[in-house]
Every structure is written in C-alpha cells, then in structure tokens.
Amino acid sequence: MSKLNPKWSRANGLILIFFGAALVLGIGLILIEKKPATSEAQGQTATQADLAETDSAETDSGKGSSTTMSVNTLPLDDLSVAAITKMSGLTFPTDMTEFLTSRGDTNRQLDLTFVIPSASAATFLADSGLPAPVANKRLVIHSSPLWKVNPPEGSTISSSQGKFGQVKRAVELVGESPGFIRARVVITPT
C-alpha cells in the first residue's frame, strides 16, 4: 500500500494542471476587467458627448412639433398629458377621465388609455389631426398592462391612425358603457 498507483498520479497531475490554468485565466480576466477610474470617466464623457451630438442632429421634420428623438425611440422622460400632447399632437379632451400610460423598457412604444363621453370622440380625433374613425376596424391588436387584447364582448369599436412629426399614432375607440368610450392609443416612432 505504500506504492502510489502511476495512473492515479497522472490523473491527479492533469487535474492539478487544469485547475491551475483555470485559476490563472480567472485572475487574468478579473485584472483585464478592472480599468483605471480616469479612463472609465473619460469613456463616459465621450459617450455622453456622442449622445448629445446625435440628439441635436436629429430634428423633428413633422408639422408643429419641436420634439427631438433618438432613432426608433420616444422621448418618454415626462409622461404628463402636456408632454404627450407636445410629442404626439394628440389634443386630449377636458372631460377625459381615467388617464393611464404604460411604456416598455426600450422607449419604443407608449400605450395610453382614457375614458371620454361618446360625444367628445369626434372632437378628440379632429383636434388631434386624425381622420374620422373606421367602424369595426382593429388597429391595436396587442395586450398591454392597460387593456386586454380583445375588448369586452358586445363593445362597439372604431379606429383611426395618423402620423405627427416623428411618431405614429393608432387610436381605437371602444364603447364599454352607455354614453362613454375608452380610447386605447399606441404611439410609436416612425
């Protein structure tokens, strides 16, 4: 029993070499990841300058809007009615209730919903520069934290869509209760 098995010794040696190489590689990767604080700060400054230059170079070519946007994203830092009006050209009725918004992590889409009296629907669309709605036409065919894919059974539905500046606007008007319409709006970059 005092003699070592030669196969056992080779196996142990190979394992030791493998783990030693893995340890050296791991330490090397850790050291490579660490960068001096000055170069990291310089990289951030350059990135911020690049973003500012990109944002200032991209201007809104649409009618009446002065909002600037990055390519394929929406400026969603402010989700107030006033900010959404400025960005999208939607003119929200004063008798609107239950106003809610939902955006994704990538700022590529803004969903919003609100309730208005049925009599305010035509004025909302006209004041927002949207054409008259088409009855029984679906434009919003995705679910959202704000609504289910399909409106409640028996609801009336009509839709309108259009562009304003650098955004596309799709509006569905869903009759959920007598005398009131729920607007389901999706805003995306052009």
N, C-alpha and C. Protein backbone atom coordinates (compact mmCIF):
# COMPACT_ATOMS: atom_id res chain seq x y z
N MET A 1 0.80 -1.18 0.00
CA MET A 1 0.00 0.00 0.00
C MET A 1 0.85 1.26 0.00
N SER A 2 2.13 1.12 0.20
CA SER A 2 2.98 2.30 0.24
C SER A 2 3.32 2.79 -1.16
N LYS A 3 3.13 1.95 -2.19
CA LYS A 3 3.41 2.38 -3.56
C LYS A 3 2.21 3.16 -4.11
N LEU A 4 2.51 4.25 -4.86
CA LEU A 4 1.44 5.03 -5.48
C LEU A 4 1.10 4.43 -6.82
N ASN A 5 -0.16 4.46 -7.14
CA ASN A 5 -0.62 3.97 -8.42
C ASN A 5 -0.22 5.00 -9.48
N PRO A 6 0.58 4.60 -10.53
CA PRO A 6 1.03 5.56 -11.53
C PRO A 6 -0.13 6.23 -12.27
N LYS A 7 -1.23 5.54 -12.54
CA LYS A 7 -2.37 6.14 -13.21
C LYS A 7 -3.00 7.21 -12.32
N TRP A 8 -3.07 6.92 -11.05
CA TRP A 8 -3.65 7.87 -10.09
C TRP A 8 -2.81 9.15 -10.05
N SER A 9 -1.51 9.01 -10.09
CA SER A 9 -0.62 10.17 -10.05
C SER A 9 -0.76 11.02 -11.31
N ARG A 10 -0.88 10.39 -12.48
CA ARG A 10 -1.06 11.15 -13.71
C ARG A 10 -2.40 11.87 -13.70
N ALA A 11 -3.44 11.21 -13.25
CA ALA A 11 -4.76 11.83 -13.19
C ALA A 11 -4.74 13.04 -12.25
N ASN A 12 -4.10 12.84 -11.09
CA ASN A 12 -4.00 13.97 -10.16
C ASN A 12 -3.20 15.12 -10.76
N GLY A 13 -2.15 14.80 -11.47
CA GLY A 13 -1.33 15.82 -12.10
C GLY A 13 -2.09 16.59 -13.16
N LEU A 14 -2.87 15.89 -13.98
CA LEU A 14 -3.67 16.55 -15.01
C LEU A 14 -4.74 17.45 -14.38
N ILE A 15 -5.37 16.96 -13.33
CA ILE A 15 -6.38 17.76 -12.63
C ILE A 15 -5.73 19.01 -12.04
N LEU A 16 -4.55 18.85 -11.44
CA LEU A 16 -3.85 19.98 -10.86
C LEU A 16 -3.48 21.00 -11.93
N ILE A 17 -3.02 20.55 -13.08
CA ILE A 17 -2.67 21.46 -14.17
C ILE A 17 -3.93 22.18 -14.67
N PHE A 18 -5.03 21.45 -14.84
CA PHE A 18 -6.27 22.04 -15.31
C PHE A 18 -6.77 23.13 -14.36
N PHE A 19 -6.82 22.84 -13.07
CA PHE A 19 -7.29 23.83 -12.09
C PHE A 19 -6.33 25.01 -11.98
N GLY A 20 -5.03 24.74 -12.10
CA GLY A 20 -4.06 25.84 -12.08
C GLY A 20 -4.25 26.78 -13.26
N ALA A 21 -4.46 26.21 -14.45
CA ALA A 21 -4.69 27.03 -15.64
C ALA A 21 -5.98 27.82 -15.50
N ALA A 22 -7.02 27.20 -14.97
CA ALA A 22 -8.30 27.89 -14.77
C ALA A 22 -8.15 29.05 -13.79
N LEU A 23 -7.37 28.83 -12.73
CA LEU A 23 -7.14 29.88 -11.74
C LEU A 23 -6.41 31.06 -12.36
N VAL A 24 -5.36 30.79 -13.12
CA VAL A 24 -4.60 31.85 -13.78
C VAL A 24 -5.49 32.60 -14.77
N LEU A 25 -6.29 31.89 -15.54
CA LEU A 25 -7.19 32.51 -16.51
C LEU A 25 -8.22 33.39 -15.80
N GLY A 26 -8.78 32.90 -14.72
CA GLY A 26 -9.77 33.67 -13.95
C GLY A 26 -9.18 34.94 -13.39
N ILE A 27 -8.00 34.88 -12.82
CA ILE A 27 -7.34 36.08 -12.28
C ILE A 27 -7.03 37.05 -13.41
N GLY A 28 -6.57 36.52 -14.54
CA GLY A 28 -6.29 37.38 -15.69
C GLY A 28 -7.53 38.12 -16.17
N LEU A 29 -8.67 37.44 -16.23
CA LEU A 29 -9.91 38.08 -16.66
C LEU A 29 -10.35 39.16 -15.67
N ILE A 30 -10.17 38.91 -14.40
CA ILE A 30 -10.53 39.90 -13.38
C ILE A 30 -9.68 41.14 -13.54
N LEU A 31 -8.38 40.95 -13.75
CA LEU A 31 -7.48 42.10 -13.91
C LEU A 31 -7.77 42.87 -15.19
N ILE A 32 -8.15 42.18 -16.25
CA ILE A 32 -8.47 42.84 -17.51
C ILE A 32 -9.73 43.69 -17.35
N GLU A 33 -10.73 43.20 -16.61
CA GLU A 33 -11.98 43.92 -16.39
C GLU A 33 -11.78 45.21 -15.62
N LYS A 34 -10.82 45.22 -14.69
CA LYS A 34 -10.59 46.42 -13.90
C LYS A 34 -9.86 47.44 -14.76
N LYS A 35 -10.44 48.66 -14.83
CA LYS A 35 -9.85 49.74 -15.61
C LYS A 35 -9.59 50.89 -14.66
N PRO A 36 -8.62 51.70 -14.96
CA PRO A 36 -8.38 52.87 -14.12
C PRO A 36 -9.60 53.79 -14.15
N ALA A 37 -9.85 54.49 -13.04
CA ALA A 37 -11.01 55.35 -12.91
C ALA A 37 -11.00 56.47 -13.94
N THR A 38 -9.84 56.97 -14.31
CA THR A 38 -9.77 58.09 -15.25
C THR A 38 -10.22 57.67 -16.64
N SER A 39 -9.83 56.50 -17.11
CA SER A 39 -10.24 56.10 -18.45
C SER A 39 -11.73 55.78 -18.48
N GLU A 40 -12.27 55.27 -17.39
CA GLU A 40 -13.71 54.99 -17.34
C GLU A 40 -14.48 56.30 -17.39
N ALA A 41 -14.05 57.30 -16.65
CA ALA A 41 -14.73 58.59 -16.65
C ALA A 41 -14.62 59.24 -18.03
N GLN A 42 -13.44 59.12 -18.67
CA GLN A 42 -13.28 59.69 -19.99
C GLN A 42 -14.21 59.00 -20.99
N GLY A 43 -14.38 57.68 -20.87
CA GLY A 43 -15.27 56.93 -21.75
C GLY A 43 -16.71 57.38 -21.58
N GLN A 44 -17.12 57.62 -20.33
CA GLN A 44 -18.48 58.08 -20.09
C GLN A 44 -18.69 59.47 -20.67
N THR A 45 -17.71 60.34 -20.52
CA THR A 45 -17.83 61.70 -21.05
C THR A 45 -17.95 61.66 -22.56
N ALA A 46 -17.14 60.82 -23.20
CA ALA A 46 -17.22 60.71 -24.65
C ALA A 46 -18.58 60.17 -25.07
N THR A 47 -19.08 59.18 -24.36
CA THR A 47 -20.38 58.61 -24.69
C THR A 47 -21.47 59.65 -24.54
N GLN A 48 -21.45 60.42 -23.46
CA GLN A 48 -22.45 61.46 -23.26
C GLN A 48 -22.36 62.52 -24.35
N ALA A 49 -21.16 62.88 -24.76
CA ALA A 49 -21.00 63.87 -25.82
C ALA A 49 -21.53 63.32 -27.14
N ASP A 50 -21.26 62.03 -27.41
CA ASP A 50 -21.78 61.41 -28.63
C ASP A 50 -23.29 61.42 -28.64
N LEU A 51 -23.92 61.08 -27.49
CA LEU A 51 -25.38 61.07 -27.41
C LEU A 51 -25.94 62.47 -27.61
N ALA A 52 -25.33 63.46 -27.00
CA ALA A 52 -25.81 64.84 -27.15
C ALA A 52 -25.71 65.28 -28.60
N GLU A 53 -24.62 64.92 -29.26
CA GLU A 53 -24.45 65.29 -30.67
C GLU A 53 -25.49 64.61 -31.53
N THR A 54 -25.76 63.32 -31.27
CA THR A 54 -26.77 62.59 -32.02
C THR A 54 -28.13 63.21 -31.83
N ASP A 55 -28.49 63.53 -30.58
CA ASP A 55 -29.79 64.11 -30.29
C ASP A 55 -29.96 65.47 -30.95
N SER A 56 -28.91 66.29 -30.94
CA SER A 56 -29.03 67.63 -31.53
C SER A 56 -29.08 67.55 -33.05
N ALA A 57 -28.49 66.53 -33.64
CA ALA A 57 -28.50 66.39 -35.09
C ALA A 57 -29.85 65.91 -35.61
N GLU A 58 -30.60 65.21 -34.78
CA GLU A 58 -31.88 64.67 -35.19
C GLU A 58 -32.96 65.66 -34.82
N THR A 59 -33.57 66.27 -35.79
CA THR A 59 -34.63 67.23 -35.52
C THR A 59 -35.93 66.69 -36.04
N ASP A 60 -37.00 67.27 -35.56
CA ASP A 60 -38.32 66.82 -35.94
C ASP A 60 -38.71 67.47 -37.26
N SER A 61 -39.11 66.65 -38.21
CA SER A 61 -39.48 67.18 -39.51
C SER A 61 -40.99 67.28 -39.66
N GLY A 62 -41.74 66.95 -38.63
CA GLY A 62 -43.19 66.95 -38.73
C GLY A 62 -43.79 68.30 -38.46
N LYS A 63 -45.06 68.41 -38.78
CA LYS A 63 -45.75 69.68 -38.62
C LYS A 63 -45.94 70.01 -37.16
N GLY A 64 -45.54 71.18 -36.78
CA GLY A 64 -45.86 71.72 -35.48
C GLY A 64 -45.15 71.14 -34.28
N SER A 65 -44.37 70.10 -34.41
CA SER A 65 -43.74 69.50 -33.24
C SER A 65 -42.27 69.89 -33.20
N SER A 66 -41.78 70.22 -32.00
CA SER A 66 -40.37 70.57 -31.87
C SER A 66 -39.63 69.53 -31.06
N THR A 67 -40.22 68.38 -30.86
CA THR A 67 -39.62 67.32 -30.07
C THR A 67 -38.49 66.66 -30.85
N THR A 68 -37.35 66.44 -30.18
CA THR A 68 -36.26 65.69 -30.82
C THR A 68 -36.27 64.28 -30.26
N MET A 69 -35.92 63.33 -31.11
CA MET A 69 -35.95 61.93 -30.71
C MET A 69 -34.72 61.22 -31.24
N SER A 70 -34.27 60.22 -30.48
CA SER A 70 -33.25 59.33 -30.98
C SER A 70 -33.92 58.39 -31.97
N VAL A 71 -33.14 57.76 -32.81
CA VAL A 71 -33.68 56.86 -33.80
C VAL A 71 -34.43 55.72 -33.11
N ASN A 72 -35.67 55.51 -33.51
CA ASN A 72 -36.51 54.41 -33.04
C ASN A 72 -36.83 54.42 -31.56
N THR A 73 -36.76 55.54 -30.90
CA THR A 73 -37.21 55.64 -29.51
C THR A 73 -38.06 56.88 -29.34
N LEU A 74 -38.81 56.91 -28.27
CA LEU A 74 -39.66 58.05 -27.94
C LEU A 74 -39.06 58.79 -26.75
N PRO A 75 -39.22 60.11 -26.68
CA PRO A 75 -38.76 60.86 -25.50
C PRO A 75 -39.78 60.72 -24.38
N LEU A 76 -39.59 59.75 -23.52
CA LEU A 76 -40.60 59.43 -22.51
C LEU A 76 -40.16 59.76 -21.09
N ASP A 77 -39.33 60.78 -20.92
CA ASP A 77 -38.94 61.17 -19.57
C ASP A 77 -40.11 61.78 -18.82
N ASP A 78 -41.00 62.45 -19.52
CA ASP A 78 -42.16 63.10 -18.93
C ASP A 78 -43.41 62.50 -19.56
N LEU A 79 -44.25 61.85 -18.75
CA LEU A 79 -45.47 61.22 -19.26
C LEU A 79 -46.72 62.00 -18.88
N SER A 80 -46.57 63.29 -18.67
CA SER A 80 -47.73 64.13 -18.37
C SER A 80 -48.56 64.32 -19.64
N VAL A 81 -49.80 64.73 -19.47
CA VAL A 81 -50.68 64.99 -20.61
C VAL A 81 -50.06 66.06 -21.51
N ALA A 82 -49.51 67.11 -20.91
CA ALA A 82 -48.90 68.19 -21.70
C ALA A 82 -47.72 67.69 -22.53
N ALA A 83 -46.86 66.87 -21.94
CA ALA A 83 -45.69 66.36 -22.66
C ALA A 83 -46.11 65.41 -23.78
N ILE A 84 -47.10 64.58 -23.51
CA ILE A 84 -47.57 63.65 -24.55
C ILE A 84 -48.24 64.42 -25.68
N THR A 85 -48.96 65.47 -25.35
CA THR A 85 -49.58 66.32 -26.37
C THR A 85 -48.51 66.92 -27.27
N LYS A 86 -47.45 67.45 -26.68
CA LYS A 86 -46.37 68.07 -27.45
C LYS A 86 -45.68 67.06 -28.36
N MET A 87 -45.43 65.85 -27.84
CA MET A 87 -44.73 64.83 -28.61
C MET A 87 -45.61 64.24 -29.70
N SER A 88 -46.90 64.01 -29.41
CA SER A 88 -47.75 63.23 -30.30
C SER A 88 -48.76 64.03 -31.09
N GLY A 89 -49.00 65.28 -30.69
CA GLY A 89 -50.02 66.07 -31.37
C GLY A 89 -51.43 65.71 -30.98
N LEU A 90 -51.60 64.80 -30.03
CA LEU A 90 -52.94 64.45 -29.56
C LEU A 90 -53.47 65.57 -28.66
N THR A 91 -54.69 65.98 -28.91
CA THR A 91 -55.32 67.01 -28.11
C THR A 91 -56.38 66.33 -27.24
N PHE A 92 -56.05 66.17 -25.97
CA PHE A 92 -56.92 65.42 -25.07
C PHE A 92 -58.11 66.26 -24.62
N PRO A 93 -59.30 65.66 -24.61
CA PRO A 93 -60.49 66.39 -24.18
C PRO A 93 -60.42 66.75 -22.70
N THR A 94 -61.01 67.89 -22.36
CA THR A 94 -61.01 68.33 -20.96
C THR A 94 -61.89 67.44 -20.10
N ASP A 95 -62.85 66.74 -20.71
CA ASP A 95 -63.74 65.86 -19.95
C ASP A 95 -63.21 64.42 -19.86
N MET A 96 -61.93 64.24 -20.15
CA MET A 96 -61.29 62.92 -20.09
C MET A 96 -61.11 62.49 -18.63
N THR A 97 -61.29 61.19 -18.38
CA THR A 97 -61.04 60.61 -17.06
C THR A 97 -60.23 59.34 -17.23
N GLU A 98 -59.75 58.80 -16.11
CA GLU A 98 -59.04 57.51 -16.08
C GLU A 98 -57.84 57.47 -17.03
N PHE A 99 -57.08 58.56 -17.10
CA PHE A 99 -55.90 58.63 -17.96
C PHE A 99 -54.78 57.79 -17.38
N LEU A 100 -54.28 56.82 -18.15
CA LEU A 100 -53.19 55.94 -17.72
C LEU A 100 -52.20 55.76 -18.86
N THR A 101 -50.92 55.61 -18.52
CA THR A 101 -49.89 55.35 -19.53
C THR A 101 -49.08 54.13 -19.14
N SER A 102 -48.49 53.51 -20.15
CA SER A 102 -47.59 52.37 -19.93
C SER A 102 -46.55 52.38 -21.05
N ARG A 103 -45.29 52.28 -20.66
CA ARG A 103 -44.22 52.22 -21.65
C ARG A 103 -43.35 51.01 -21.38
N GLY A 104 -42.68 50.55 -22.42
CA GLY A 104 -41.76 49.45 -22.27
C GLY A 104 -40.39 49.94 -21.85
N ASP A 105 -39.50 49.02 -21.58
CA ASP A 105 -38.14 49.36 -21.14
C ASP A 105 -37.32 50.04 -22.22
N THR A 106 -37.68 49.84 -23.48
CA THR A 106 -36.86 50.36 -24.58
C THR A 106 -37.34 51.70 -25.12
N ASN A 107 -38.41 52.26 -24.58
CA ASN A 107 -38.98 53.54 -25.04
C ASN A 107 -39.33 53.52 -26.53
N ARG A 108 -39.72 52.37 -27.03
CA ARG A 108 -40.12 52.26 -28.43
C ARG A 108 -41.63 52.29 -28.61
N GLN A 109 -42.37 52.29 -27.51
CA GLN A 109 -43.82 52.31 -27.61
C GLN A 109 -44.41 52.89 -26.34
N LEU A 110 -45.44 53.69 -26.50
CA LEU A 110 -46.19 54.22 -25.38
C LEU A 110 -47.64 53.84 -25.59
N ASP A 111 -48.20 53.14 -24.62
CA ASP A 111 -49.63 52.83 -24.61
C ASP A 111 -50.29 53.79 -23.64
N LEU A 112 -51.45 54.29 -24.02
CA LEU A 112 -52.20 55.10 -23.07
C LEU A 112 -53.68 54.85 -23.28
N THR A 113 -54.43 55.09 -22.24
CA THR A 113 -55.87 54.89 -22.30
C THR A 113 -56.55 55.95 -21.46
N PHE A 114 -57.77 56.26 -21.82
CA PHE A 114 -58.59 57.20 -21.06
C PHE A 114 -60.04 57.00 -21.48
N VAL A 115 -60.94 57.55 -20.68
CA VAL A 115 -62.37 57.44 -20.94
C VAL A 115 -62.90 58.84 -21.24
N ILE A 116 -63.74 58.93 -22.27
CA ILE A 116 -64.39 60.19 -22.63
C ILE A 116 -65.86 59.94 -22.94
N PRO A 117 -66.70 60.96 -22.81
CA PRO A 117 -68.08 60.81 -23.27
C PRO A 117 -68.08 60.54 -24.77
N SER A 118 -69.02 59.76 -25.24
CA SER A 118 -69.11 59.42 -26.66
C SER A 118 -69.15 60.67 -27.54
N ALA A 119 -69.78 61.72 -27.05
CA ALA A 119 -69.91 62.96 -27.82
C ALA A 119 -68.57 63.65 -28.03
N SER A 120 -67.57 63.35 -27.23
CA SER A 120 -66.26 64.01 -27.34
C SER A 120 -65.31 63.30 -28.30
N ALA A 121 -65.67 62.11 -28.78
CA ALA A 121 -64.76 61.31 -29.60
C ALA A 121 -64.41 61.99 -30.92
N ALA A 122 -65.39 62.49 -31.63
CA ALA A 122 -65.14 63.11 -32.93
C ALA A 122 -64.27 64.35 -32.78
N THR A 123 -64.53 65.14 -31.74
CA THR A 123 -63.73 66.34 -31.49
C THR A 123 -62.28 65.97 -31.15
N PHE A 124 -62.11 64.93 -30.33
CA PHE A 124 -60.76 64.48 -29.98
C PHE A 124 -59.97 64.11 -31.23
N LEU A 125 -60.58 63.34 -32.13
CA LEU A 125 -59.87 62.92 -33.34
C LEU A 125 -59.58 64.12 -34.25
N ALA A 126 -60.56 64.98 -34.46
CA ALA A 126 -60.38 66.13 -35.34
C ALA A 126 -59.32 67.09 -34.79
N ASP A 127 -59.40 67.40 -33.49
CA ASP A 127 -58.43 68.32 -32.88
C ASP A 127 -57.02 67.73 -32.89
N SER A 128 -56.92 66.40 -32.93
CA SER A 128 -55.62 65.72 -32.94
C SER A 128 -55.09 65.50 -34.35
N GLY A 129 -55.85 65.94 -35.36
CA GLY A 129 -55.40 65.79 -36.74
C GLY A 129 -55.54 64.38 -37.27
N LEU A 130 -56.45 63.62 -36.69
CA LEU A 130 -56.67 62.23 -37.13
C LEU A 130 -57.93 62.16 -37.98
N PRO A 131 -57.96 61.25 -38.96
CA PRO A 131 -59.16 61.11 -39.79
C PRO A 131 -60.32 60.51 -39.00
N ALA A 132 -61.51 60.62 -39.57
CA ALA A 132 -62.70 60.04 -38.93
C ALA A 132 -62.46 58.54 -38.72
N PRO A 133 -62.96 57.98 -37.64
CA PRO A 133 -62.71 56.56 -37.35
C PRO A 133 -63.45 55.63 -38.31
N VAL A 134 -62.86 54.48 -38.53
CA VAL A 134 -63.47 53.44 -39.35
C VAL A 134 -64.11 52.44 -38.41
N ALA A 135 -65.41 52.22 -38.58
CA ALA A 135 -66.14 51.31 -37.70
C ALA A 135 -65.67 49.87 -37.88
N ASN A 136 -65.66 49.13 -36.80
CA ASN A 136 -65.31 47.70 -36.77
C ASN A 136 -63.91 47.41 -37.29
N LYS A 137 -63.01 48.36 -37.18
CA LYS A 137 -61.62 48.15 -37.60
C LYS A 137 -60.73 48.14 -36.37
N ARG A 138 -59.88 47.10 -36.27
CA ARG A 138 -58.93 46.97 -35.15
C ARG A 138 -57.56 47.42 -35.60
N LEU A 139 -56.95 48.30 -34.82
CA LEU A 139 -55.57 48.71 -35.03
C LEU A 139 -54.68 48.29 -33.88
N VAL A 140 -55.24 48.22 -32.70
CA VAL A 140 -54.49 47.86 -31.50
C VAL A 140 -54.75 46.38 -31.24
N ILE A 141 -53.82 45.55 -31.67
CA ILE A 141 -54.05 44.11 -31.58
C ILE A 141 -53.05 43.43 -30.64
N HIS A 142 -52.57 44.17 -29.67
CA HIS A 142 -51.69 43.59 -28.65
C HIS A 142 -52.27 43.92 -27.28
N SER A 143 -51.93 43.07 -26.34
CA SER A 143 -52.36 43.35 -24.97
C SER A 143 -51.38 44.36 -24.36
N SER A 144 -51.79 44.92 -23.27
CA SER A 144 -50.99 45.94 -22.58
C SER A 144 -51.32 45.83 -21.11
N PRO A 145 -50.48 46.38 -20.24
CA PRO A 145 -50.87 46.44 -18.83
C PRO A 145 -52.16 47.26 -18.65
N LEU A 146 -52.52 48.02 -19.68
CA LEU A 146 -53.70 48.88 -19.59
C LEU A 146 -54.97 48.24 -20.14
N TRP A 147 -54.85 47.19 -20.96
CA TRP A 147 -56.03 46.57 -21.55
C TRP A 147 -55.73 45.14 -21.97
N LYS A 148 -56.80 44.39 -22.19
CA LYS A 148 -56.69 43.04 -22.73
C LYS A 148 -56.67 43.14 -24.25
N VAL A 149 -56.27 42.07 -24.92
CA VAL A 149 -56.19 42.08 -26.37
C VAL A 149 -57.56 42.41 -26.98
N ASN A 150 -58.57 41.70 -26.54
CA ASN A 150 -59.91 41.89 -27.10
C ASN A 150 -60.77 42.72 -26.16
N PRO A 151 -61.48 43.70 -26.74
CA PRO A 151 -62.41 44.47 -25.90
C PRO A 151 -63.52 43.56 -25.38
N PRO A 152 -64.24 44.00 -24.36
CA PRO A 152 -65.34 43.18 -23.85
C PRO A 152 -66.33 42.84 -24.96
N GLU A 153 -66.86 41.63 -24.91
CA GLU A 153 -67.80 41.18 -25.92
C GLU A 153 -69.00 42.12 -25.99
N GLY A 154 -69.42 42.43 -27.20
CA GLY A 154 -70.56 43.33 -27.40
C GLY A 154 -70.19 44.79 -27.48
N SER A 155 -68.90 45.12 -27.29
CA SER A 155 -68.46 46.52 -27.36
C SER A 155 -68.40 46.99 -28.80
N THR A 156 -68.72 48.25 -29.01
CA THR A 156 -68.50 48.84 -30.33
C THR A 156 -67.03 49.21 -30.43
N ILE A 157 -66.53 49.21 -31.65
CA ILE A 157 -65.12 49.55 -31.83
C ILE A 157 -64.94 50.29 -33.15
N SER A 158 -64.10 51.30 -33.13
CA SER A 158 -63.71 52.01 -34.35
C SER A 158 -62.27 52.48 -34.16
N SER A 159 -61.60 52.75 -35.28
CA SER A 159 -60.18 53.08 -35.20
C SER A 159 -59.80 54.17 -36.18
N SER A 160 -58.73 54.86 -35.83
CA SER A 160 -58.15 55.89 -36.68
C SER A 160 -56.65 55.88 -36.44
N GLN A 161 -55.90 56.34 -37.43
CA GLN A 161 -54.45 56.40 -37.25
C GLN A 161 -53.87 57.52 -38.09
N GLY A 162 -52.68 57.95 -37.72
CA GLY A 162 -52.00 59.00 -38.45
C GLY A 162 -50.63 59.25 -37.87
N LYS A 163 -49.89 60.14 -38.52
CA LYS A 163 -48.54 60.50 -38.08
C LYS A 163 -48.53 61.95 -37.63
N PHE A 164 -47.62 62.23 -36.71
CA PHE A 164 -47.39 63.60 -36.27
C PHE A 164 -45.90 63.72 -36.00
N GLY A 165 -45.21 64.56 -36.75
CA GLY A 165 -43.77 64.68 -36.55
C GLY A 165 -43.10 63.34 -36.76
N GLN A 166 -42.44 62.86 -35.71
CA GLN A 166 -41.71 61.61 -35.80
C GLN A 166 -42.41 60.46 -35.09
N VAL A 167 -43.74 60.56 -34.92
CA VAL A 167 -44.46 59.48 -34.26
C VAL A 167 -45.66 59.02 -35.08
N LYS A 168 -45.98 57.75 -34.92
CA LYS A 168 -47.20 57.17 -35.47
C LYS A 168 -48.18 57.04 -34.31
N ARG A 169 -49.46 57.31 -34.60
CA ARG A 169 -50.49 57.23 -33.57
C ARG A 169 -51.61 56.33 -34.06
N ALA A 170 -51.92 55.32 -33.29
CA ALA A 170 -53.05 54.45 -33.59
C ALA A 170 -54.04 54.59 -32.43
N VAL A 171 -55.30 54.85 -32.77
CA VAL A 171 -56.33 55.08 -31.75
C VAL A 171 -57.49 54.14 -32.00
N GLU A 172 -57.86 53.39 -30.97
CA GLU A 172 -59.08 52.59 -31.00
C GLU A 172 -60.06 53.18 -30.01
N LEU A 173 -61.28 53.31 -30.44
CA LEU A 173 -62.34 53.81 -29.58
C LEU A 173 -63.28 52.66 -29.28
N VAL A 174 -63.34 52.27 -28.02
CA VAL A 174 -64.12 51.11 -27.60
C VAL A 174 -65.27 51.57 -26.72
N GLY A 175 -66.49 51.28 -27.15
CA GLY A 175 -67.67 51.61 -26.35
C GLY A 175 -67.85 50.58 -25.25
N GLU A 176 -67.45 50.91 -24.04
CA GLU A 176 -67.52 49.95 -22.93
C GLU A 176 -68.80 50.08 -22.11
N SER A 177 -69.30 51.30 -21.99
CA SER A 177 -70.54 51.50 -21.23
C SER A 177 -71.37 52.56 -21.95
N PRO A 178 -72.68 52.57 -21.74
CA PRO A 178 -73.53 53.52 -22.46
C PRO A 178 -73.08 54.97 -22.25
N GLY A 179 -72.87 55.67 -23.38
CA GLY A 179 -72.51 57.08 -23.33
C GLY A 179 -71.03 57.36 -23.14
N PHE A 180 -70.20 56.33 -22.99
CA PHE A 180 -68.76 56.55 -22.77
C PHE A 180 -67.93 55.65 -23.67
N ILE A 181 -66.77 56.16 -24.03
CA ILE A 181 -65.84 55.44 -24.90
C ILE A 181 -64.48 55.40 -24.20
N ARG A 182 -63.86 54.24 -24.27
CA ARG A 182 -62.48 54.11 -23.81
C ARG A 182 -61.57 54.21 -25.02
N ALA A 183 -60.66 55.17 -24.99
CA ALA A 183 -59.67 55.30 -26.06
C ALA A 183 -58.46 54.46 -25.69
N ARG A 184 -58.01 53.65 -26.63
CA ARG A 184 -56.78 52.87 -26.48
C ARG A 184 -55.82 53.39 -27.53
N VAL A 185 -54.73 54.01 -27.10
CA VAL A 185 -53.82 54.71 -28.01
C VAL A 185 -52.44 54.08 -27.93
N VAL A 186 -51.84 53.87 -29.09
CA VAL A 186 -50.47 53.36 -29.17
C VAL A 186 -49.65 54.38 -29.97
N ILE A 187 -48.57 54.85 -29.36
CA ILE A 187 -47.67 55.81 -30.00
C ILE A 187 -46.32 55.13 -30.20
N THR A 188 -45.82 55.17 -31.43
CA THR A 188 -44.53 54.56 -31.76
C THR A 188 -43.74 55.53 -32.64
N PRO A 189 -42.41 55.39 -32.66
CA PRO A 189 -41.63 56.24 -33.56
C PRO A 189 -41.83 55.84 -35.01
N THR A 190 -41.68 56.80 -35.92
CA THR A 190 -41.82 56.50 -37.36
C THR A 190 -40.57 55.82 -37.86
